Amino acid sequence: MTGVPDLDLSADVLTLTRALVDTPSVSGDEGPLADAVETALRALGGLEVERVGDTVLARTNLGRDTRVVLAGHLDTVPIAGNVPSRLEDGRLYGCGSSDMKSGDAVMLRLAGRFGVAGAEPAHDLTFVFYDNEEVESAKSGLGRVARERRGWLYGDLAVLLEGTDGEIEAGCQGTLRAVLEVTGRRAHSARSWLGVNAVHGAAGILATLAAYEAREVEIDGCTYREGLNAVRIEGGVAGNVVPDSCRVTVNLRYAPDRDEDAAEVHVREVFAGALDAGATLTVVDNAGGALPGLTEPAAAAFVAAVGRPARAKLGWTDVARFAALGIPAVNYGPGDPKLAHTREEHVLVERLQPTEDALTAYLSGGSA
């Protein structure tokens, strides 16, 4: 099955997941799937629906005292021969099955339940199906909504249905990338003593990284482990030339008790020796994390309703965008994050219905 589906929101969550996976939506080409989602949501009759590019927004306006925002991205990484989907041994295989069309399917089921006339959720609900999450943040549909339709994102709690393997993952790490450059002097390799080898000069940077001791931080009962690693080394001119430049790209994953400025200060402190020796450091990307916010009443109530302890989100997700708006946010979805972006990406069928049931119970005012 390929093409644009006719999404039946009364179908079970597995059927909806298959329909979404079988509709290609690589970043930048989400339009047909966004069309199908928009059509299905408008047909419910109980939702205010708005389209912003290829992001589809929908919400109830029932006058509840609280509002919960549910968000998920429609796009996937490039397909790796894994569309259409296949069902095998209790697993649904296919591009985006884990990251995160299974989460989108749960959202659509919830919209189908609570977005019709006469529905009585305990909270007002906002659904955000957004584009371009898997590419540079400047293209993010959620970021565009935050800039152009910020009021649509406000709520007492945001639940991002990123894959968490059915567990609650609170907050997220920040991520910083920086380039350390060491310079030298070119020379013919037959007369290397006339030059200064920049690649050799990067040895101190690599030794610093090898000796780095990662910090562990516990916040709201969640343990965040930091990490600092080289992710790229560039250097060399030709097979007979002593290189005069070497660039080492490093990535710091930092706990959310640090902000962006503190993360940069930390990296500069770690490499103070190299900088004193003449290396330069340029930060090329820095996205702050999100505190777990589990002491906030809405987040605490969600954890209690689901009945599972929260753990730290090791990685950056769009909960950080909600946190920047002062909205407590958690990650909770059926997909397995370890399978994201792989050829063998799949979601366990047994994870789908429990996730839907837990969110249905919470949004109805009960517990899972």
Protein backbone atom coordinates (compact mmCIF):
# COMPACT_ATOMS: atom_id res chain seq x y z
CA MET A 1 0.00 0.00 0.00
CA THR A 2 1.39 3.38 -0.99
CA GLY A 3 -0.01 6.82 -1.68
CA VAL A 4 -2.26 9.05 0.37
CA PRO A 5 -4.40 7.09 2.82
CA ASP A 6 -8.00 7.67 3.80
CA LEU A 7 -7.37 7.71 7.54
CA ASP A 8 -10.16 6.04 9.49
CA LEU A 9 -9.69 7.21 13.08
CA SER A 10 -12.06 4.53 14.32
CA ALA A 11 -9.63 1.85 13.12
CA ASP A 12 -7.36 0.23 15.68
CA VAL A 13 -3.97 1.75 16.44
CA LEU A 14 -2.05 -0.94 14.53
CA THR A 15 -4.09 -0.33 11.38
CA LEU A 16 -3.50 3.41 11.67
CA THR A 17 0.22 2.92 12.25
CA ARG A 18 0.46 0.80 9.10
CA ALA A 19 -1.41 3.41 7.08
CA LEU A 20 1.00 6.12 8.25
CA VAL A 21 4.13 4.03 7.64
CA ASP A 22 2.92 3.06 4.18
CA THR A 23 2.61 6.75 3.25
CA PRO A 24 6.13 8.07 2.57
CA SER A 25 6.83 11.37 4.33
CA VAL A 26 10.57 12.00 4.25
CA SER A 27 11.45 15.42 5.65
CA GLY A 28 10.35 18.07 3.16
CA ASP A 29 7.76 15.80 1.54
CA GLU A 30 5.18 15.57 4.31
CA GLY A 31 2.45 17.34 2.31
CA PRO A 32 0.33 14.32 1.26
CA LEU A 33 0.37 12.83 4.76
CA ALA A 34 -0.39 16.21 6.32
CA ASP A 35 -3.34 16.51 3.89
CA ALA A 36 -4.69 13.15 5.05
CA VAL A 37 -4.29 14.04 8.73
CA GLU A 38 -5.96 17.40 8.23
CA THR A 39 -8.90 15.84 6.38
CA ALA A 40 -9.41 13.22 9.08
CA LEU A 41 -9.31 15.75 11.90
CA ARG A 42 -11.70 18.18 10.22
CA ALA A 43 -14.20 15.36 9.66
CA LEU A 44 -14.51 14.79 13.42
CA GLY A 45 -16.46 18.00 13.87
CA GLY A 46 -15.41 18.75 17.44
CA LEU A 47 -12.01 20.30 16.80
CA GLU A 48 -10.73 23.70 15.71
CA VAL A 49 -8.24 22.85 12.96
CA GLU A 50 -5.55 25.04 11.41
CA ARG A 51 -2.79 24.33 8.88
CA VAL A 52 0.62 26.02 9.05
CA GLY A 53 2.70 24.82 6.13
CA ASP A 54 2.75 21.05 6.53
CA THR A 55 2.00 21.22 10.25
CA VAL A 56 -1.56 20.37 11.27
CA LEU A 57 -2.95 21.88 14.48
CA ALA A 58 -6.20 20.86 16.15
CA ARG A 59 -7.74 21.60 19.54
CA THR A 60 -10.83 21.34 21.67
CA ASN A 61 -12.36 24.45 23.24
CA LEU A 62 -14.50 23.04 26.05
CA GLY A 63 -13.61 25.54 28.76
CA ARG A 64 -11.70 23.03 30.89
CA ASP A 65 -9.46 24.35 33.66
CA THR A 66 -6.43 22.60 32.19
CA ARG A 67 -5.06 21.91 28.72
CA VAL A 68 -2.79 19.07 27.56
CA VAL A 69 -0.76 19.40 24.35
CA LEU A 70 0.04 16.21 22.43
CA ALA A 71 2.72 16.55 19.75
CA GLY A 72 4.38 14.33 17.17
CA HIS A 73 6.33 14.80 13.95
CA LEU A 74 5.09 13.43 10.64
CA ASP A 75 8.43 13.21 8.86
CA THR A 76 10.95 10.40 8.66
CA VAL A 77 14.56 10.02 7.63
CA PRO A 78 15.14 8.79 4.03
CA ILE A 79 13.56 5.43 3.31
CA ALA A 80 15.98 2.49 3.33
CA GLY A 81 13.99 -0.09 1.40
CA ASN A 82 11.59 -0.41 4.34
CA VAL A 83 8.34 0.94 2.89
CA PRO A 84 5.73 -0.51 2.61
CA SER A 85 5.51 -1.96 6.10
CA ARG A 86 5.46 -5.64 6.99
CA LEU A 87 4.04 -7.40 10.02
CA GLU A 88 6.16 -10.24 11.34
CA ASP A 89 6.42 -12.03 14.70
CA GLY A 90 4.53 -9.33 16.60
CA ARG A 91 6.60 -6.52 15.10
CA LEU A 92 5.56 -3.90 12.56
CA TYR A 93 8.58 -3.09 10.41
CA GLY A 94 8.91 0.06 8.33
CA CYS A 95 10.47 3.49 8.07
CA GLY A 96 9.09 5.68 10.83
CA SER A 97 7.34 2.83 12.63
CA SER A 98 9.23 3.63 15.83
CA ASP A 99 10.22 7.23 15.11
CA MET A 100 7.45 8.18 15.30
CA LYS A 101 4.43 7.15 13.29
CA SER A 102 3.29 4.73 15.98
CA GLY A 103 3.10 7.75 18.31
CA ASP A 104 1.23 9.71 15.64
CA ALA A 105 -1.24 6.84 15.33
CA VAL A 106 -1.90 6.95 19.07
CA MET A 107 -2.50 10.70 18.76
CA LEU A 108 -4.97 10.15 15.94
CA ARG A 109 -6.83 7.56 17.98
CA LEU A 110 -7.06 10.03 20.87
CA ALA A 111 -8.27 12.75 18.52
CA GLY A 112 -10.90 10.35 17.18
CA ARG A 113 -12.10 9.65 20.71
CA PHE A 114 -12.00 13.12 22.22
CA GLY A 115 -12.39 15.34 19.15
CA VAL A 116 -16.02 14.55 18.40
CA ALA A 117 -19.08 16.42 19.57
CA GLY A 118 -20.21 15.27 22.99
CA ALA A 119 -16.81 13.94 24.10
CA GLU A 120 -15.93 14.73 27.72
CA PRO A 121 -12.16 14.75 28.25
CA ALA A 122 -10.98 15.94 31.66
CA HIS A 123 -8.71 18.50 29.95
CA ASP A 124 -8.91 20.61 26.86
CA LEU A 125 -6.63 19.04 24.26
CA THR A 126 -4.32 20.34 21.56
CA PHE A 127 -2.89 18.07 18.86
CA VAL A 128 0.22 19.13 16.92
CA PHE A 129 1.34 17.03 13.92
CA TYR A 130 4.43 18.80 12.62
CA ASP A 131 6.90 18.59 9.78
CA ASN A 132 10.70 18.67 9.42
CA GLU A 133 11.85 17.33 12.76
CA GLU A 134 14.54 15.08 11.31
CA VAL A 135 16.49 17.94 9.70
CA GLU A 136 18.10 21.17 10.86
CA SER A 137 16.11 22.96 13.56
CA ALA A 138 15.62 26.06 11.41
CA LYS A 139 13.16 24.06 9.27
CA SER A 140 11.20 22.59 12.19
CA GLY A 141 7.44 22.89 11.85
CA LEU A 142 7.14 23.01 15.63
CA GLY A 143 9.63 25.85 15.73
CA ARG A 144 7.60 27.67 13.07
CA VAL A 145 4.44 27.28 15.15
CA ALA A 146 6.32 28.60 18.20
CA ARG A 147 7.24 31.69 16.20
CA GLU A 148 4.00 32.26 14.28
CA ARG A 149 1.20 30.60 16.31
CA ARG A 150 2.66 30.43 19.80
CA GLY A 151 -0.76 30.42 21.47
CA TRP A 152 -1.41 26.98 19.99
CA LEU A 153 1.40 25.48 22.07
CA TYR A 154 0.38 26.74 25.50
CA GLY A 155 -0.91 24.22 28.01
CA ASP A 156 -0.44 22.87 31.50
CA LEU A 157 1.44 19.82 30.19
CA ALA A 158 2.91 18.74 26.86
CA VAL A 159 3.33 15.08 25.94
CA LEU A 160 5.68 14.41 23.04
CA LEU A 161 4.95 10.96 21.63
CA GLU A 162 8.56 10.28 20.66
CA GLY A 163 9.53 6.65 21.02
CA THR A 164 10.32 5.73 24.63
CA ASP A 165 9.49 2.01 24.47
CA GLY A 166 6.38 2.66 26.54
CA GLU A 167 8.23 4.35 29.39
CA ILE A 168 7.99 7.97 30.57
CA GLU A 169 11.17 9.89 29.79
CA ALA A 170 11.36 13.31 31.41
CA GLY A 171 13.09 16.40 30.11
CA CYS A 172 16.02 16.00 27.75
CA GLN A 173 19.73 16.65 27.46
CA GLY A 174 21.20 19.68 25.81
CA THR A 175 23.60 19.24 22.91
CA LEU A 176 26.59 21.37 21.91
CA ARG A 177 28.91 20.90 18.95
CA ALA A 178 32.19 22.76 18.71
CA VAL A 179 35.16 22.69 16.35
CA LEU A 180 38.66 22.80 17.78
CA GLU A 181 41.27 23.79 15.21
CA VAL A 182 45.01 23.29 15.52
CA THR A 183 47.31 24.98 13.04
CA GLY A 184 50.81 24.07 11.99
CA ARG A 185 53.15 24.69 9.07
CA ARG A 186 53.21 22.78 5.80
CA ALA A 187 56.32 21.00 4.64
CA HIS A 188 57.32 18.16 2.34
CA SER A 189 57.03 14.93 4.32
CA ALA A 190 60.58 14.03 3.24
CA ARG A 191 61.73 17.10 5.17
CA SER A 192 59.12 17.02 7.93
CA TRP A 193 61.39 18.77 10.43
CA LEU A 194 60.87 21.96 8.45
CA GLY A 195 57.15 21.92 9.22
CA VAL A 196 54.79 21.64 12.19
CA ASN A 197 52.32 18.75 11.96
CA ALA A 198 48.86 20.00 12.96
CA VAL A 199 47.45 16.47 13.17
CA HIS A 200 50.09 15.58 15.73
CA GLY A 201 49.22 18.80 17.51
CA ALA A 202 45.68 17.52 18.07
CA ALA A 203 46.97 14.68 20.24
CA GLY A 204 46.43 16.72 23.40
CA ILE A 205 42.79 17.28 22.48
CA LEU A 206 42.23 13.55 21.97
CA ALA A 207 44.01 12.74 25.24
CA THR A 208 41.75 15.20 27.05
CA LEU A 209 38.69 13.54 25.56
CA ALA A 210 39.91 10.05 26.48
CA ALA A 211 40.44 11.14 30.08
CA TYR A 212 37.14 13.03 30.38
CA GLU A 213 34.99 11.88 33.28
CA ALA A 214 31.30 12.23 32.53
CA ARG A 215 29.17 13.94 35.13
CA GLU A 216 25.98 12.32 36.40
CA VAL A 217 23.22 14.58 37.69
CA GLU A 218 20.00 13.54 39.42
CA ILE A 219 17.04 15.87 38.94
CA ASP A 220 13.52 14.99 40.11
CA GLY A 221 14.67 11.40 40.57
CA CYS A 222 15.97 11.16 36.98
CA THR A 223 19.67 10.56 36.35
CA TYR A 224 21.23 12.38 33.40
CA ARG A 225 24.68 11.21 32.31
CA GLU A 226 26.72 13.69 30.33
CA GLY A 227 29.18 12.82 27.58
CA LEU A 228 31.90 14.62 25.61
CA ASN A 229 33.18 12.94 22.47
CA ALA A 230 35.03 13.60 19.26
CA VAL A 231 32.62 12.98 16.39
CA ARG A 232 34.81 14.06 13.45
CA ILE A 233 38.49 14.69 12.69
CA GLU A 234 39.57 16.50 9.53
CA GLY A 235 43.16 17.04 8.48
CA GLY A 236 45.64 16.32 5.78
CA VAL A 237 46.60 17.77 2.42
CA ALA A 238 48.28 15.03 0.42
CA GLY A 239 50.22 11.84 0.93
CA ASN A 240 53.53 13.71 0.91
CA VAL A 241 52.62 16.91 2.79
CA VAL A 242 52.88 17.67 6.50
CA PRO A 243 49.40 19.07 7.29
CA ASP A 244 49.08 22.62 8.54
CA SER A 245 45.54 22.31 9.89
CA CYS A 246 43.55 19.78 11.88
CA ARG A 247 39.96 20.20 13.00
CA VAL A 248 38.36 18.11 15.73
CA THR A 249 34.57 18.35 16.11
CA VAL A 250 33.35 17.51 19.59
CA ASN A 251 29.84 16.94 20.90
CA LEU A 252 28.83 17.60 24.49
CA ARG A 253 25.56 16.08 25.70
CA TYR A 254 24.82 17.97 28.87
CA ALA A 255 22.38 17.65 31.74
CA PRO A 256 19.51 20.14 31.78
CA ASP A 257 20.78 21.87 34.93
CA ARG A 258 23.28 23.60 32.60
CA ASP A 259 22.05 26.24 30.18
CA GLU A 260 23.67 26.95 26.80
CA ASP A 261 26.14 29.49 28.19
CA ALA A 262 27.22 27.19 31.03
CA ALA A 263 27.74 24.35 28.56
CA GLU A 264 30.05 26.48 26.43
CA VAL A 265 31.97 27.64 29.49
CA HIS A 266 32.43 24.01 30.52
CA VAL A 267 33.80 22.98 27.12
CA ARG A 268 36.23 25.88 27.09
CA GLU A 269 37.40 24.93 30.58
CA VAL A 270 37.94 21.30 29.53
CA PHE A 271 40.11 22.35 26.60
CA ALA A 272 41.84 25.23 28.36
CA GLY A 273 45.24 23.61 27.84
CA ALA A 274 44.76 23.27 24.10
CA LEU A 275 43.46 26.82 23.84
CA ASP A 276 46.44 28.13 25.77
CA ALA A 277 48.68 26.28 23.32
CA GLY A 278 47.11 28.13 20.38
CA ALA A 279 44.10 26.03 19.34
CA THR A 280 40.84 27.82 18.58
CA LEU A 281 37.34 26.71 19.58
CA THR A 282 34.20 27.65 17.66
CA VAL A 283 30.73 26.61 18.82
CA VAL A 284 28.70 25.66 15.74
CA ASP A 285 25.51 24.41 17.41
CA ASN A 286 24.11 24.65 20.92
CA ALA A 287 20.58 23.62 21.89
CA GLY A 288 19.64 23.69 25.55
CA GLY A 289 17.91 20.80 27.24
CA ALA A 290 14.77 20.66 29.34
CA LEU A 291 14.38 20.06 33.05
CA PRO A 292 12.13 17.10 33.88
CA GLY A 293 9.61 19.36 35.63
CA LEU A 294 8.11 16.40 37.46
CA THR A 295 7.31 18.50 40.51
CA GLU A 296 4.83 20.46 38.42
CA PRO A 297 1.32 19.28 39.35
CA ALA A 298 0.29 18.37 35.80
CA ALA A 299 3.45 16.35 35.17
CA ALA A 300 3.23 14.61 38.54
CA ALA A 301 -0.40 13.73 37.87
CA PHE A 302 0.54 12.27 34.49
CA VAL A 303 3.25 10.06 36.00
CA ALA A 304 0.84 8.90 38.69
CA ALA A 305 -1.90 8.17 36.16
CA VAL A 306 0.36 6.14 33.89
CA GLY A 307 1.65 4.29 36.92
CA ARG A 308 5.26 3.99 35.78
CA PRO A 309 8.31 5.82 37.15
CA ALA A 310 9.91 8.44 34.94
CA ARG A 311 13.48 8.17 33.74
CA ALA A 312 15.80 10.72 32.16
CA LYS A 313 15.66 11.35 28.42
CA LEU A 314 19.19 10.79 27.15
CA GLY A 315 19.12 12.84 23.99
CA TRP A 316 17.58 16.07 22.73
CA THR A 317 13.89 16.22 21.81
CA ASP A 318 11.33 18.92 21.17
CA VAL A 319 10.29 18.89 24.82
CA ALA A 320 12.99 21.55 25.01
CA ARG A 321 10.85 23.86 22.87
CA PHE A 322 7.96 23.47 25.31
CA ALA A 323 10.24 23.96 28.30
CA ALA A 324 11.46 27.23 26.75
CA LEU A 325 7.83 28.37 26.83
CA GLY A 326 7.55 27.41 30.50
CA ILE A 327 5.43 24.33 29.81
CA PRO A 328 6.26 21.06 31.63
CA ALA A 329 6.79 18.35 29.04
CA VAL A 330 7.48 14.61 28.96
CA ASN A 331 8.32 12.05 26.29
CA TYR A 332 5.99 9.05 26.13
CA GLY A 333 5.45 6.84 23.11
CA PRO A 334 5.33 3.21 21.98
CA GLY A 335 8.40 3.21 19.71
CA ASP A 336 11.88 2.05 20.71
CA PRO A 337 14.39 4.91 20.32
CA LYS A 338 17.24 2.44 19.79
CA LEU A 339 15.63 1.36 16.50
CA ALA A 340 15.11 4.86 15.09
CA HIS A 341 16.71 5.51 11.69
CA THR A 342 17.74 1.88 11.16
CA ARG A 343 16.89 -0.40 8.24
CA GLU A 344 15.34 -2.83 10.68
CA GLU A 345 13.21 -0.15 12.37
CA HIS A 346 10.08 -1.60 13.90
CA VAL A 347 7.60 -1.20 16.73
CA LEU A 348 6.39 -3.99 18.97
CA VAL A 349 2.67 -4.42 18.41
CA GLU A 350 2.23 -5.14 22.12
CA ARG A 351 3.41 -1.58 22.94
CA LEU A 352 0.72 0.16 20.88
CA GLN A 353 -2.53 -0.46 22.72
CA PRO A 354 -1.14 0.01 26.26
CA THR A 355 0.18 3.44 25.28
CA GLU A 356 -3.18 4.43 23.86
CA ASP A 357 -5.01 3.04 26.89
CA ALA A 358 -2.78 4.87 29.39
CA LEU A 359 -3.24 8.21 27.63
CA THR A 360 -6.98 7.63 27.23
CA ALA A 361 -7.31 6.98 30.95
CA TYR A 362 -5.26 10.05 31.86
CA LEU A 363 -7.11 12.36 29.49
CA SER A 364 -10.40 10.99 30.83
CA GLY A 365 -9.39 11.93 34.34
CA GLY A 366 -8.53 8.44 35.56
CA SER A 367 -5.44 6.25 35.74
CA ALA A 368 -4.07 3.53 33.54
